[in-house]
Structure formats: C-alpha cells, structure tokens
C-alpha cells in the first residue's frame, strides 16, 4: 500500500510540528526570534542569527501559520516529490531556503526598517507553488466552494508578492509577511524545474493575438501583391512592356527580388 506522504515531505512536516510543540511547551522561556532569520545580524551578529539563515523554515510563530503552511506543503510536496527526482526535490527546498533568506537580509540592509525577524516555511511552500505553476498549470485545485486552475491562484499570489517586494524596496511594508521570501521562493522553484525553458513571452495571450493579427495581415498583403503582379503581367501581355508606368516597373522589380 502506497504511503499517503512521501518520505521527505513527511519528515519535514513532522519536524515542523515537533519543533512547534517543543516551543509551545517551553512557554515564554524560549523565543523563536533567537534562532530566526533576523535583520540584526548586521548590527548585533550572533551564532543564533547565523544559524537562523538555515533554521528559520523549521520555526513557526503561531498554530495557524504552521497549519496553513503544512496543508499546502503536504499537497504540493506529495505531488512534486513523487514526480521529480529526489535530488532535484531536495535542491528546490534547499535553494528556496537560502536564496530568499539572503534577499530578505539584503533588502533590510538597503532600506530603513525596524528590527525584525522571519520564521516559517513559506519560502519552501512558494517554491513548490512555482514549480507546480511550471509543470501543472492547468491542474484543478479546490478553493472550498469552487474549483479553479492552479495557474490563476499561483499567478495571483506570486504577482502580489512581487509587487509587495518592490514596495518594500521603498520602505513600504504590506502586513507582517516576508513577501520577498515568498516571491524569490516561487521564482527558485519555477526556474529549477525549467520554467525559463518552457515559457516564452510570445505565448502570452495578448502577444499571441498580436502575432495572429500580423500573420493575417501579411497573408492578405501577399495575396494583394500577387493579384497586382498578375494584373501587371496581363497588361504587358496585352499592350507590351512599354505600356507600364514607372511605379508598375518598380513594383515588379521589388517583387522579383523577394522571390
């Protein structure tokens, strides 16, 4: 009988919940901020802050935060881990932890922000979302009362994270979420499964429509030119080459060079 969750996905989920339960049991004697991704790493470097660069995805600051991440990670992780090679799946999760963390630290270094820290596996979750967007864009997902294509949900979430990341560069913070980690996590997942090879701007509906219009225009133009060539040749047959105007001679020369 096949397991409901593949081993890596299951192992990560168990570790998140065990760590959260231990922190909850410790009460106020331990704060996740001690080993979180913390922008105080530049002004007050410590072992905990450096550990936080790789540890922060395993920590969650609330039950709801952990629950939502777990639900999405379980469904997307089970799908991708059973589809991709184990090496690539681990690579996606590792890159989606380190790279977004450094981007968040860089943005905090470049902007004037209050001391803050990040915990949670949202970067990993968005990495899986980005990978699924590339591999299964038409997959139907249930939003409780309605089913929609994954494409619409993923693009909306990633686009919001991108805009919020740009806003953060101008010291405008939208809520308490680390939007840059969400966005770069999704980008990492998308790129690592070959999104840059599968996607072309020319495939966007708007550009595809423009290309089809141009093709129809070019076809009509070729047909019009062909008809004019036939009319000019008929005139030569009736009245000789001397009957052609300079414009007609020039047009025939242009058409002959194209062939």
Foldseek 3Di string as FASTA:
>chain_A
DDDLADDVLVVLLVLLVVVAVVVVVVPPPDDLQQQACKLCCVVDNDPSNVNNLQCQASYDDDPVQSVVLSVLSRVLVRVVPVPDDVVLLVVLQRCLRNVLSVVLSVLCVQDPDDIDGGHHNLSQSLLSLLLCCQVQQQDWDDPPPDIGGSVVVNCVLLVVLVVQVVVVSVVDHDPDDSSSSNNVSSVSSNVSNPVVPRDDPCPPPVNVVVVVVVVVVVVVVVVVLVVLVVVVVVVCVVPNPVVDDPVSVVSVVVVVVVD
